[in-house]
Amino acid sequence: MQAKGASELLPAGACKAALREVPATVERVRVARLVCDTLVSRLCKDLGETSQTCQMVKSKTESFPPDRCQEMVDNYDQVIGQLKMIEQQGMRPPGAQPPGGMPVRMMPAGPAGPAPH
């Protein structure tokens, strides 16, 4: 949408040059999103392909930027642990959407501190 808006401001020659680059740009986006595809595949394998949680992951991860997917892959044990706990207990984590939605951040907000007493 941003590119379309910018195209209204660019001279015709610049738009033609930009259009020649669209296939390469689409390919770069596809490659960057591979980490998200890997994340979804791995989570669904561990959660069960037909589970509601897997379906939620598939739906919500589409809107995640690749760096967020990478962050979740880097913290996979925490992410899968949270999702399994949510699924088993039928509860929502803090900051979650209503049932059926994916947590706003599927991982801890910061480093773990000492356990509360």
PDB file of N, CA and C in Angstrom:
ATOM      1  N   MET A   1       0.832  -1.184   0.000  1.00  0.00           N
ATOM      2  CA  MET A   1       0.000   0.000   0.000  1.00  0.00           C
ATOM      3  C   MET A   1       0.876   1.247   0.000  1.00  0.00           C
ATOM      4  N   GLN A   2       2.003   1.179   0.744  1.00  0.00           N
ATOM      5  CA  GLN A   2       2.904   2.320   0.770  1.00  0.00           C
ATOM      6  C   GLN A   2       3.507   2.558  -0.597  1.00  0.00           C
ATOM      7  N   ALA A   3       3.873   1.470  -1.281  1.00  0.00           N
ATOM      8  CA  ALA A   3       4.449   1.602  -2.615  1.00  0.00           C
ATOM      9  C   ALA A   3       3.435   2.190  -3.575  1.00  0.00           C
ATOM     10  N   LYS A   4       2.199   1.774  -3.460  1.00  0.00           N
ATOM     11  CA  LYS A   4       1.166   2.308  -4.336  1.00  0.00           C
ATOM     12  C   LYS A   4       0.985   3.800  -4.096  1.00  0.00           C
ATOM     13  N   GLY A   5       0.987   4.208  -2.846  1.00  0.00           N
ATOM     14  CA  GLY A   5       0.871   5.628  -2.516  1.00  0.00           C
ATOM     15  C   GLY A   5       2.052   6.427  -3.033  1.00  0.00           C
ATOM     16  N   ALA A   6       3.243   5.857  -2.909  1.00  0.00           N
ATOM     17  CA  ALA A   6       4.441   6.543  -3.387  1.00  0.00           C
ATOM     18  C   ALA A   6       4.448   6.642  -4.900  1.00  0.00           C
ATOM     19  N   SER A   7       3.860   5.660  -5.570  1.00  0.00           N
ATOM     20  CA  SER A   7       3.855   5.664  -7.034  1.00  0.00           C
ATOM     21  C   SER A   7       3.115   6.871  -7.591  1.00  0.00           C
ATOM     22  N   GLU A   8       2.175   7.392  -6.844  1.00  0.00           N
ATOM     23  CA  GLU A   8       1.437   8.573  -7.293  1.00  0.00           C
ATOM     24  C   GLU A   8       2.319   9.816  -7.304  1.00  0.00           C
ATOM     25  N   LEU A   9       3.398   9.793  -6.545  1.00  0.00           N
ATOM     26  CA  LEU A   9       4.291  10.939  -6.455  1.00  0.00           C
ATOM     27  C   LEU A   9       5.478  10.850  -7.401  1.00  0.00           C
ATOM     28  N   LEU A  10       5.776   9.656  -7.897  1.00  0.00           N
ATOM     29  CA  LEU A  10       6.959   9.436  -8.728  1.00  0.00           C
ATOM     30  C   LEU A  10       6.676   9.726 -10.197  1.00  0.00           C
ATOM     31  N   PRO A  11       7.711  10.170 -10.910  1.00  0.00           N
ATOM     32  CA  PRO A  11       7.540  10.332 -12.356  1.00  0.00           C
ATOM     33  C   PRO A  11       7.343   8.965 -13.022  1.00  0.00           C
ATOM     34  N   ALA A  12       6.756   8.951 -14.194  1.00  0.00           N
ATOM     35  CA  ALA A  12       6.433   7.710 -14.900  1.00  0.00           C
ATOM     36  C   ALA A  12       7.673   6.841 -15.103  1.00  0.00           C
ATOM     37  N   GLY A  13       8.821   7.435 -15.430  1.00  0.00           N
ATOM     38  CA  GLY A  13      10.052   6.667 -15.639  1.00  0.00           C
ATOM     39  C   GLY A  13      10.476   5.932 -14.386  1.00  0.00           C
ATOM     40  N   ALA A  14      10.323   6.568 -13.246  1.00  0.00           N
ATOM     41  CA  ALA A  14      10.688   5.929 -11.981  1.00  0.00           C
ATOM     42  C   ALA A  14       9.748   4.765 -11.687  1.00  0.00           C
ATOM     43  N   CYS A  15       8.487   4.933 -12.011  1.00  0.00           N
ATOM     44  CA  CYS A  15       7.523   3.849 -11.793  1.00  0.00           C
ATOM     45  C   CYS A  15       7.848   2.657 -12.689  1.00  0.00           C
ATOM     46  N   LYS A  16       8.209   2.912 -13.940  1.00  0.00           N
ATOM     47  CA  LYS A  16       8.550   1.821 -14.848  1.00  0.00           C
ATOM     48  C   LYS A  16       9.779   1.071 -14.340  1.00  0.00           C
ATOM     49  N   ALA A  17      10.765   1.822 -13.850  1.00  0.00           N
ATOM     50  CA  ALA A  17      11.975   1.180 -13.318  1.00  0.00           C
ATOM     51  C   ALA A  17      11.630   0.355 -12.078  1.00  0.00           C
ATOM     52  N   ALA A  18      10.776   0.888 -11.226  1.00  0.00           N
ATOM     53  CA  ALA A  18      10.385   0.169 -10.009  1.00  0.00           C
ATOM     54  C   ALA A  18       9.623  -1.111 -10.347  1.00  0.00           C
ATOM     55  N   LEU A  19       8.765  -1.036 -11.349  1.00  0.00           N
ATOM     56  CA  LEU A  19       7.995  -2.219 -11.741  1.00  0.00           C
ATOM     57  C   LEU A  19       8.893  -3.346 -12.238  1.00  0.00           C
ATOM     58  N   ARG A  20      10.002  -3.003 -12.852  1.00  0.00           N
ATOM     59  CA  ARG A  20      10.933  -4.043 -13.306  1.00  0.00           C
ATOM     60  C   ARG A  20      11.539  -4.786 -12.118  1.00  0.00           C
ATOM     61  N   GLU A  21      11.578  -4.151 -10.950  1.00  0.00           N
ATOM     62  CA  GLU A  21      12.182  -4.746  -9.762  1.00  0.00           C
ATOM     63  C   GLU A  21      11.194  -5.536  -8.912  1.00  0.00           C
ATOM     64  N   VAL A  22       9.907  -5.472  -9.239  1.00  0.00           N
ATOM     65  CA  VAL A  22       8.883  -6.130  -8.422  1.00  0.00           C
ATOM     66  C   VAL A  22       9.148  -7.626  -8.251  1.00  0.00           C
ATOM     67  N   PRO A  23       9.430  -8.389  -9.306  1.00  0.00           N
ATOM     68  CA  PRO A  23       9.666  -9.832  -9.094  1.00  0.00           C
ATOM     69  C   PRO A  23      10.807 -10.111  -8.116  1.00  0.00           C
ATOM     70  N   ALA A  24      11.894  -9.343  -8.212  1.00  0.00           N
ATOM     71  CA  ALA A  24      13.019  -9.551  -7.290  1.00  0.00           C
ATOM     72  C   ALA A  24      12.621  -9.178  -5.866  1.00  0.00           C
ATOM     73  N   THR A  25      11.831  -8.138  -5.731  1.00  0.00           N
ATOM     74  CA  THR A  25      11.381  -7.711  -4.404  1.00  0.00           C
ATOM     75  C   THR A  25      10.465  -8.761  -3.784  1.00  0.00           C
ATOM     76  N   VAL A  26       9.559  -9.295  -4.574  1.00  0.00           N
ATOM     77  CA  VAL A  26       8.655 -10.339  -4.086  1.00  0.00           C
ATOM     78  C   VAL A  26       9.458 -11.557  -3.641  1.00  0.00           C
ATOM     79  N   GLU A  27      10.474 -11.907  -4.392  1.00  0.00           N
ATOM     80  CA  GLU A  27      11.318 -13.047  -4.029  1.00  0.00           C
ATOM     81  C   GLU A  27      12.052 -12.787  -2.714  1.00  0.00           C
ATOM     82  N   ARG A  28      12.549 -11.565  -2.512  1.00  0.00           N
ATOM     83  CA  ARG A  28      13.235 -11.238  -1.252  1.00  0.00           C
ATOM     84  C   ARG A  28      12.282 -11.341  -0.073  1.00  0.00           C
ATOM     85  N   VAL A  29      11.056 -10.899  -0.261  1.00  0.00           N
ATOM     86  CA  VAL A  29      10.049 -11.005   0.803  1.00  0.00           C
ATOM     87  C   VAL A  29       9.762 -12.475   1.099  1.00  0.00           C
ATOM     88  N   ARG A  30       9.616 -13.286   0.045  1.00  0.00           N
ATOM     89  CA  ARG A  30       9.344 -14.719   0.233  1.00  0.00           C
ATOM     90  C   ARG A  30      10.468 -15.382   1.013  1.00  0.00           C
ATOM     91  N   VAL A  31      11.706 -15.078   0.655  1.00  0.00           N
ATOM     92  CA  VAL A  31      12.859 -15.663   1.341  1.00  0.00           C
ATOM     93  C   VAL A  31      12.900 -15.206   2.797  1.00  0.00           C
ATOM     94  N   ALA A  32      12.631 -13.923   3.033  1.00  0.00           N
ATOM     95  CA  ALA A  32      12.650 -13.402   4.407  1.00  0.00           C
ATOM     96  C   ALA A  32      11.588 -14.079   5.267  1.00  0.00           C
ATOM     97  N   ARG A  33      10.468 -14.458   4.669  1.00  0.00           N
ATOM     98  CA  ARG A  33       9.365 -15.063   5.421  1.00  0.00           C
ATOM     99  C   ARG A  33       9.544 -16.563   5.640  1.00  0.00           C
ATOM    100  N   LEU A  34      10.573 -17.153   5.067  1.00  0.00           N
ATOM    101  CA  LEU A  34      10.803 -18.586   5.278  1.00  0.00           C
ATOM    102  C   LEU A  34      10.921 -18.918   6.757  1.00  0.00           C
ATOM    103  N   VAL A  35      11.495 -18.032   7.546  1.00  0.00           N
ATOM    104  CA  VAL A  35      11.620 -18.286   8.984  1.00  0.00           C
ATOM    105  C   VAL A  35      10.228 -18.412   9.620  1.00  0.00           C
ATOM    106  N   CYS A  36       9.252 -17.635   9.136  1.00  0.00           N
ATOM    107  CA  CYS A  36       7.890 -17.731   9.669  1.00  0.00           C
ATOM    108  C   CYS A  36       7.241 -19.051   9.256  1.00  0.00           C
ATOM    109  N   ASP A  37       7.490 -19.471   8.010  1.00  0.00           N
ATOM    110  CA  ASP A  37       6.960 -20.757   7.557  1.00  0.00           C
ATOM    111  C   ASP A  37       7.540 -21.901   8.377  1.00  0.00           C
ATOM    112  N   THR A  38       8.837 -21.829   8.664  1.00  0.00           N
ATOM    113  CA  THR A  38       9.500 -22.847   9.471  1.00  0.00           C
ATOM    114  C   THR A  38       8.924 -22.865  10.884  1.00  0.00           C
ATOM    115  N   LEU A  39       8.716 -21.688  11.450  1.00  0.00           N
ATOM    116  CA  LEU A  39       8.141 -21.584  12.793  1.00  0.00           C
ATOM    117  C   LEU A  39       6.766 -22.243  12.848  1.00  0.00           C
ATOM    118  N   VAL A  40       5.897 -21.905  11.909  1.00  0.00           N
ATOM    119  CA  VAL A  40       4.542 -22.461  11.890  1.00  0.00           C
ATOM    120  C   VAL A  40       4.592 -23.984  11.743  1.00  0.00           C
ATOM    121  N   SER A  41       5.423 -24.446  10.827  1.00  0.00           N
ATOM    122  CA  SER A  41       5.538 -25.885  10.602  1.00  0.00           C
ATOM    123  C   SER A  41       5.984 -26.603  11.868  1.00  0.00           C
ATOM    124  N   ARG A  42       6.970 -26.067  12.520  1.00  0.00           N
ATOM    125  CA  ARG A  42       7.508 -26.691  13.735  1.00  0.00           C
ATOM    126  C   ARG A  42       6.492 -26.660  14.874  1.00  0.00           C
ATOM    127  N   LEU A  43       5.843 -25.504  15.065  1.00  0.00           N
ATOM    128  CA  LEU A  43       4.842 -25.400  16.131  1.00  0.00           C
ATOM    129  C   LEU A  43       3.684 -26.364  15.890  1.00  0.00           C
ATOM    130  N   CYS A  44       3.191 -26.415  14.655  1.00  0.00           N
ATOM    131  CA  CYS A  44       2.061 -27.299  14.365  1.00  0.00           C
ATOM    132  C   CYS A  44       2.439 -28.765  14.492  1.00  0.00           C
ATOM    133  N   LYS A  45       3.667 -29.090  14.163  1.00  0.00           N
ATOM    134  CA  LYS A  45       4.127 -30.475  14.335  1.00  0.00           C
ATOM    135  C   LYS A  45       4.084 -30.841  15.816  1.00  0.00           C
ATOM    136  N   ASP A  46       4.527 -29.917  16.669  1.00  0.00           N
ATOM    137  CA  ASP A  46       4.571 -30.182  18.106  1.00  0.00           C
ATOM    138  C   ASP A  46       3.213 -30.054  18.785  1.00  0.00           C
ATOM    139  N   LEU A  47       2.324 -29.250  18.227  1.00  0.00           N
ATOM    140  CA  LEU A  47       1.011 -29.031  18.843  1.00  0.00           C
ATOM    141  C   LEU A  47      -0.052 -29.967  18.282  1.00  0.00           C
ATOM    142  N   GLY A  48       0.209 -30.511  17.103  1.00  0.00           N
ATOM    143  CA  GLY A  48      -0.790 -31.328  16.411  1.00  0.00           C
ATOM    144  C   GLY A  48      -1.385 -30.511  15.270  1.00  0.00           C
ATOM    145  N   GLU A  49      -1.253 -31.046  14.077  1.00  0.00           N
ATOM    146  CA  GLU A  49      -1.679 -30.320  12.873  1.00  0.00           C
ATOM    147  C   GLU A  49      -3.149 -29.915  12.898  1.00  0.00           C
ATOM    148  N   THR A  50      -3.987 -30.687  13.572  1.00  0.00           N
ATOM    149  CA  THR A  50      -5.422 -30.395  13.576  1.00  0.00           C
ATOM    150  C   THR A  50      -5.882 -29.650  14.822  1.00  0.00           C
ATOM    151  N   SER A  51      -4.949 -29.296  15.695  1.00  0.00           N
ATOM    152  CA  SER A  51      -5.337 -28.614  16.940  1.00  0.00           C
ATOM    153  C   SER A  51      -5.784 -27.177  16.657  1.00  0.00           C
ATOM    154  N   GLN A  52      -6.620 -26.671  17.541  1.00  0.00           N
ATOM    155  CA  GLN A  52      -7.059 -25.277  17.431  1.00  0.00           C
ATOM    156  C   GLN A  52      -5.871 -24.338  17.578  1.00  0.00           C
ATOM    157  N   THR A  53      -4.917 -24.709  18.411  1.00  0.00           N
ATOM    158  CA  THR A  53      -3.750 -23.862  18.625  1.00  0.00           C
ATOM    159  C   THR A  53      -2.927 -23.777  17.346  1.00  0.00           C
ATOM    160  N   CYS A  54      -2.780 -24.869  16.630  1.00  0.00           N
ATOM    161  CA  CYS A  54      -2.064 -24.852  15.352  1.00  0.00           C
ATOM    162  C   CYS A  54      -2.785 -23.936  14.371  1.00  0.00           C
ATOM    163  N   GLN A  55      -4.084 -24.032  14.296  1.00  0.00           N
ATOM    164  CA  GLN A  55      -4.848 -23.179  13.382  1.00  0.00           C
ATOM    165  C   GLN A  55      -4.677 -21.704  13.743  1.00  0.00           C
ATOM    166  N   MET A  56      -4.661 -21.410  15.038  1.00  0.00           N
ATOM    167  CA  MET A  56      -4.450 -20.042  15.495  1.00  0.00           C
ATOM    168  C   MET A  56      -3.061 -19.566  15.090  1.00  0.00           C
ATOM    169  N   VAL A  57      -2.048 -20.416  15.295  1.00  0.00           N
ATOM    170  CA  VAL A  57      -0.672 -20.075  14.941  1.00  0.00           C
ATOM    171  C   VAL A  57      -0.586 -19.767  13.445  1.00  0.00           C
ATOM    172  N   LYS A  58      -1.186 -20.621  12.619  1.00  0.00           N
ATOM    173  CA  LYS A  58      -1.166 -20.406  11.169  1.00  0.00           C
ATOM    174  C   LYS A  58      -1.787 -19.069  10.806  1.00  0.00           C
ATOM    175  N   SER A  59      -2.909 -18.770  11.413  1.00  0.00           N
ATOM    176  CA  SER A  59      -3.629 -17.542  11.106  1.00  0.00           C
ATOM    177  C   SER A  59      -2.872 -16.291  11.551  1.00  0.00           C
ATOM    178  N   LYS A  60      -2.420 -16.296  12.769  1.00  0.00           N
ATOM    179  CA  LYS A  60      -1.809 -15.095  13.340  1.00  0.00           C
ATOM    180  C   LYS A  60      -0.391 -14.833  12.846  1.00  0.00           C
ATOM    181  N   THR A  61       0.351 -15.883  12.566  1.00  0.00           N
ATOM    182  CA  THR A  61       1.753 -15.713  12.182  1.00  0.00           C
ATOM    183  C   THR A  61       1.880 -15.041  10.819  1.00  0.00           C
ATOM    184  N   GLU A  62       0.852 -15.127   9.994  1.00  0.00           N
ATOM    185  CA  GLU A  62       0.877 -14.471   8.688  1.00  0.00           C
ATOM    186  C   GLU A  62       1.185 -12.981   8.797  1.00  0.00           C
ATOM    187  N   SER A  63       0.752 -12.359   9.883  1.00  0.00           N
ATOM    188  CA  SER A  63       0.946 -10.916  10.031  1.00  0.00           C
ATOM    189  C   SER A  63       2.238 -10.555  10.769  1.00  0.00           C
ATOM    190  N   PHE A  64       2.984 -11.542  11.238  1.00  0.00           N
ATOM    191  CA  PHE A  64       4.224 -11.268  11.967  1.00  0.00           C
ATOM    192  C   PHE A  64       5.331 -10.881  10.998  1.00  0.00           C
ATOM    193  N   PRO A  65       6.139  -9.892  11.358  1.00  0.00           N
ATOM    194  CA  PRO A  65       7.328  -9.604  10.542  1.00  0.00           C
ATOM    195  C   PRO A  65       8.364 -10.711  10.754  1.00  0.00           C
ATOM    196  N   PRO A  66       9.227 -10.930   9.775  1.00  0.00           N
ATOM    197  CA  PRO A  66      10.223 -11.999   9.889  1.00  0.00           C
ATOM    198  C   PRO A  66      11.097 -11.914  11.138  1.00  0.00           C
ATOM    199  N   ASP A  67      11.418 -10.708  11.591  1.00  0.00           N
ATOM    200  CA  ASP A  67      12.273 -10.611  12.785  1.00  0.00           C
ATOM    201  C   ASP A  67      11.555 -11.131  14.024  1.00  0.00           C
ATOM    202  N   ARG A  68      10.246 -10.974  14.084  1.00  0.00           N
ATOM    203  CA  ARG A  68       9.494 -11.519  15.222  1.00  0.00           C
ATOM    204  C   ARG A  68       9.471 -13.045  15.150  1.00  0.00           C
ATOM    205  N   CYS A  69       9.311 -13.581  13.948  1.00  0.00           N
ATOM    206  CA  CYS A  69       9.354 -15.041  13.791  1.00  0.00           C
ATOM    207  C   CYS A  69      10.718 -15.568  14.216  1.00  0.00           C
ATOM    208  N   GLN A  70      11.782 -14.875  13.828  1.00  0.00           N
ATOM    209  CA  GLN A  70      13.126 -15.311  14.198  1.00  0.00           C
ATOM    210  C   GLN A  70      13.306 -15.272  15.708  1.00  0.00           C
ATOM    211  N   GLU A  71      12.785 -14.236  16.343  1.00  0.00           N
ATOM    212  CA  GLU A  71      12.861 -14.120  17.802  1.00  0.00           C
ATOM    213  C   GLU A  71      12.149 -15.303  18.464  1.00  0.00           C
ATOM    214  N   MET A  72      11.024 -15.696  17.894  1.00  0.00           N
ATOM    215  CA  MET A  72      10.276 -16.819  18.448  1.00  0.00           C
ATOM    216  C   MET A  72      11.013 -18.142  18.208  1.00  0.00           C
ATOM    217  N   VAL A  73      11.651 -18.289  17.053  1.00  0.00           N
ATOM    218  CA  VAL A  73      12.455 -19.485  16.788  1.00  0.00           C
ATOM    219  C   VAL A  73      13.616 -19.550  17.776  1.00  0.00           C
ATOM    220  N   ASP A  74      14.248 -18.411  18.019  1.00  0.00           N
ATOM    221  CA  ASP A  74      15.373 -18.359  18.952  1.00  0.00           C
ATOM    222  C   ASP A  74      14.947 -18.714  20.376  1.00  0.00           C
ATOM    223  N   ASN A  75      13.687 -18.509  20.700  1.00  0.00           N
ATOM    224  CA  ASN A  75      13.158 -18.800  22.036  1.00  0.00           C
ATOM    225  C   ASN A  75      12.075 -19.875  21.958  1.00  0.00           C
ATOM    226  N   TYR A  76      12.280 -20.832  21.072  1.00  0.00           N
ATOM    227  CA  TYR A  76      11.260 -21.820  20.749  1.00  0.00           C
ATOM    228  C   TYR A  76      10.755 -22.586  21.980  1.00  0.00           C
ATOM    229  N   ASP A  77      11.648 -23.000  22.835  1.00  0.00           N
ATOM    230  CA  ASP A  77      11.223 -23.776  24.009  1.00  0.00           C
ATOM    231  C   ASP A  77      10.231 -22.989  24.861  1.00  0.00           C
ATOM    232  N   GLN A  78      10.465 -21.698  25.027  1.00  0.00           N
ATOM    233  CA  GLN A  78       9.542 -20.862  25.802  1.00  0.00           C
ATOM    234  C   GLN A  78       8.218 -20.704  25.067  1.00  0.00           C
ATOM    235  N   VAL A  79       8.282 -20.477  23.757  1.00  0.00           N
ATOM    236  CA  VAL A  79       7.068 -20.273  22.959  1.00  0.00           C
ATOM    237  C   VAL A  79       6.194 -21.522  22.986  1.00  0.00           C
ATOM    238  N   ILE A  80       6.777 -22.678  22.690  1.00  0.00           N
ATOM    239  CA  ILE A  80       5.987 -23.915  22.659  1.00  0.00           C
ATOM    240  C   ILE A  80       5.464 -24.246  24.056  1.00  0.00           C
ATOM    241  N   GLY A  81       6.260 -23.963  25.069  1.00  0.00           N
ATOM    242  CA  GLY A  81       5.809 -24.196  26.444  1.00  0.00           C
ATOM    243  C   GLY A  81       4.588 -23.355  26.791  1.00  0.00           C
ATOM    244  N   GLN A  82       4.632 -22.093  26.407  1.00  0.00           N
ATOM    245  CA  GLN A  82       3.484 -21.218  26.671  1.00  0.00           C
ATOM    246  C   GLN A  82       2.248 -21.680  25.914  1.00  0.00           C
ATOM    247  N   LEU A  83       2.421 -22.025  24.649  1.00  0.00           N
ATOM    248  CA  LEU A  83       1.275 -22.466  23.855  1.00  0.00           C
ATOM    249  C   LEU A  83       0.682 -23.762  24.395  1.00  0.00           C
ATOM    250  N   LYS A  84       1.512 -24.699  24.797  1.00  0.00           N
ATOM    251  CA  LYS A  84       1.008 -25.957  25.359  1.00  0.00           C
ATOM    252  C   LYS A  84       0.278 -25.715  26.677  1.00  0.00           C
ATOM    253  N   MET A  85       0.827 -24.826  27.494  1.00  0.00           N
ATOM    254  CA  MET A  85       0.176 -24.519  28.765  1.00  0.00           C
ATOM    255  C   MET A  85      -1.188 -23.872  28.518  1.00  0.00           C
ATOM    256  N   ILE A  86      -1.238 -22.955  27.592  1.00  0.00           N
ATOM    257  CA  ILE A  86      -2.496 -22.283  27.262  1.00  0.00           C
ATOM    258  C   ILE A  86      -3.510 -23.298  26.747  1.00  0.00           C
ATOM    259  N   GLU A  87      -3.056 -24.172  25.872  1.00  0.00           N
ATOM    260  CA  GLU A  87      -3.939 -25.181  25.294  1.00  0.00           C
ATOM    261  C   GLU A  87      -4.460 -26.143  26.364  1.00  0.00           C
ATOM    262  N   GLN A  88      -3.586 -26.613  27.234  1.00  0.00           N
ATOM    263  CA  GLN A  88      -3.977 -27.579  28.262  1.00  0.00           C
ATOM    264  C   GLN A  88      -4.883 -26.970  29.319  1.00  0.00           C
ATOM    265  N   GLN A  89      -4.601 -25.752  29.703  1.00  0.00           N
ATOM    266  CA  GLN A  89      -5.351 -25.134  30.794  1.00  0.00           C
ATOM    267  C   GLN A  89      -6.536 -24.320  30.308  1.00  0.00           C
ATOM    268  N   GLY A  90      -6.606 -24.088  29.003  1.00  0.00           N
ATOM    269  CA  GLY A  90      -7.728 -23.327  28.480  1.00  0.00           C
ATOM    270  C   GLY A  90      -7.765 -21.909  29.010  1.00  0.00           C
ATOM    271  N   MET A  91      -6.578 -21.379  29.337  1.00  0.00           N
ATOM    272  CA  MET A  91      -6.536 -20.021  29.889  1.00  0.00           C
ATOM    273  C   MET A  91      -5.880 -19.085  28.897  1.00  0.00           C
ATOM    274  N   ARG A  92      -6.068 -17.785  29.110  1.00  0.00           N
ATOM    275  CA  ARG A  92      -5.439 -16.775  28.277  1.00  0.00           C
ATOM    276  C   ARG A  92      -4.274 -16.166  29.028  1.00  0.00           C
ATOM    277  N   PRO A  93      -3.142 -15.950  28.342  1.00  0.00           N
ATOM    278  CA  PRO A  93      -2.020 -15.275  28.989  1.00  0.00           C
ATOM    279  C   PRO A  93      -2.284 -13.785  29.079  1.00  0.00           C
ATOM    280  N   PRO A  94      -1.542 -13.077  29.937  1.00  0.00           N
ATOM    281  CA  PRO A  94      -1.699 -11.623  29.991  1.00  0.00           C
ATOM    282  C   PRO A  94      -1.462 -11.028  28.617  1.00  0.00           C
ATOM    283  N   GLY A  95      -2.316 -10.092  28.224  1.00  0.00           N
ATOM    284  CA  GLY A  95      -2.165  -9.428  26.939  1.00  0.00           C
ATOM    285  C   GLY A  95      -2.697 -10.240  25.772  1.00  0.00           C
ATOM    286  N   ALA A  96      -3.398 -11.330  26.062  1.00  0.00           N
ATOM    287  CA  ALA A  96      -3.890 -12.182  24.983  1.00  0.00           C
ATOM    288  C   ALA A  96      -5.184 -11.639  24.423  1.00  0.00           C
ATOM    289  N   GLN A  97      -5.491 -12.097  23.237  1.00  0.00           N
ATOM    290  CA  GLN A  97      -6.769 -11.792  22.633  1.00  0.00           C
ATOM    291  C   GLN A  97      -7.784 -12.765  23.204  1.00  0.00           C
ATOM    292  N   PRO A  98      -9.052 -12.556  22.912  1.00  0.00           N
ATOM    293  CA  PRO A  98     -10.061 -13.500  23.393  1.00  0.00           C
ATOM    294  C   PRO A  98      -9.755 -14.916  22.919  1.00  0.00           C
ATOM    295  N   PRO A  99     -10.386 -15.931  23.528  1.00  0.00           N
ATOM    296  CA  PRO A  99     -10.114 -17.312  23.138  1.00  0.00           C
ATOM    297  C   PRO A  99     -10.133 -17.461  21.621  1.00  0.00           C
ATOM    298  N   GLY A 100      -9.163 -18.231  21.133  1.00  0.00           N
ATOM    299  CA  GLY A 100      -9.036 -18.411  19.697  1.00  0.00           C
ATOM    300  C   GLY A 100      -8.046 -17.450  19.084  1.00  0.00           C
ATOM    301  N   GLY A 101      -7.629 -16.426  19.844  1.00  0.00           N
ATOM    302  CA  GLY A 101      -6.646 -15.471  19.355  1.00  0.00           C
ATOM    303  C   GLY A 101      -5.266 -15.871  19.821  1.00  0.00           C
ATOM    304  N   MET A 102      -4.261 -15.299  19.218  1.00  0.00           N
ATOM    305  CA  MET A 102      -2.877 -15.620  19.584  1.00  0.00           C
ATOM    306  C   MET A 102      -2.370 -14.547  20.539  1.00  0.00           C
ATOM    307  N   PRO A 103      -1.574 -14.901  21.524  1.00  0.00           N
ATOM    308  CA  PRO A 103      -1.035 -13.897  22.427  1.00  0.00           C
ATOM    309  C   PRO A 103      -0.321 -12.804  21.642  1.00  0.00           C
ATOM    310  N   VAL A 104      -0.392 -11.588  22.190  1.00  0.00           N
ATOM    311  CA  VAL A 104       0.261 -10.475  21.532  1.00  0.00           C
ATOM    312  C   VAL A 104       1.736 -10.762  21.367  1.00  0.00           C
ATOM    313  N   ARG A 105       2.396 -11.266  22.362  1.00  0.00           N
ATOM    314  CA  ARG A 105       3.796 -11.704  22.293  1.00  0.00           C
ATOM    315  C   ARG A 105       3.819 -13.122  22.828  1.00  0.00           C
ATOM    316  N   MET A 106       4.186 -14.073  22.020  1.00  0.00           N
ATOM    317  CA  MET A 106       4.187 -15.464  22.477  1.00  0.00           C
ATOM    318  C   MET A 106       5.503 -15.806  23.146  1.00  0.00           C
ATOM    319  N   MET A 107       5.998 -14.927  23.975  1.00  0.00           N
ATOM    320  CA  MET A 107       7.217 -15.211  24.706  1.00  0.00           C
ATOM    321  C   MET A 107       7.344 -14.191  25.823  1.00  0.00           C
ATOM    322  N   PRO A 108       8.189 -14.453  26.815  1.00  0.00           N
ATOM    323  CA  PRO A 108       8.329 -13.531  27.919  1.00  0.00           C
ATOM    324  C   PRO A 108       8.767 -12.148  27.434  1.00  0.00           C
ATOM    325  N   ALA A 109       8.334 -11.134  28.158  1.00  0.00           N
ATOM    326  CA  ALA A 109       8.646  -9.772  27.787  1.00  0.00           C
ATOM    327  C   ALA A 109      10.103  -9.429  28.046  1.00  0.00           C
ATOM    328  N   GLY A 110      10.727 -10.079  28.974  1.00  0.00           N
ATOM    329  CA  GLY A 110      12.116  -9.757  29.291  1.00  0.00           C
ATOM    330  C   GLY A 110      12.802 -10.916  29.962  1.00  0.00           C
ATOM    331  N   PRO A 111      14.021 -10.700  30.392  1.00  0.00           N
ATOM    332  CA  PRO A 111      14.748 -11.800  31.060  1.00  0.00           C
ATOM    333  C   PRO A 111      14.051 -12.210  32.349  1.00  0.00           C
ATOM    334  N   ALA A 112      14.141 -13.471  32.644  1.00  0.00           N
ATOM    335  CA  ALA A 112      13.499 -13.989  33.848  1.00  0.00           C
ATOM    336  C   ALA A 112      14.276 -13.561  35.077  1.00  0.00           C
ATOM    337  N   GLY A 113      13.573 -13.091  36.043  1.00  0.00           N
ATOM    338  CA  GLY A 113      14.200 -12.705  37.309  1.00  0.00           C
ATOM    339  C   GLY A 113      14.009 -13.800  38.326  1.00  0.00           C
ATOM    340  N   PRO A 114      14.356 -13.529  39.585  1.00  0.00           N
ATOM    341  CA  PRO A 114      14.169 -14.551  40.610  1.00  0.00           C
ATOM    342  C   PRO A 114      12.694 -14.884  40.781  1.00  0.00           C
ATOM    343  N   ALA A 115      12.418 -16.101  41.124  1.00  0.00           N
ATOM    344  CA  ALA A 115      11.039 -16.545  41.312  1.00  0.00           C
ATOM    345  C   ALA A 115      10.447 -15.844  42.522  1.00  0.00           C
ATOM    346  N   PRO A 116       9.171 -15.391  42.400  1.00  0.00           N
ATOM    347  CA  PRO A 116       8.511 -14.749  43.549  1.00  0.00           C
ATOM    348  C   PRO A 116       8.284 -15.761  44.659  1.00  0.00           C
ATOM    349  N   HIS A 117       8.240 -15.277  45.881  1.00  0.00           N
ATOM    350  CA  HIS A 117       8.041 -16.171  47.040  1.00  0.00           C
ATOM    351  C   HIS A 117       6.587 -16.290  47.357  1.00  0.00           C
TER     352      HIS A 117
END
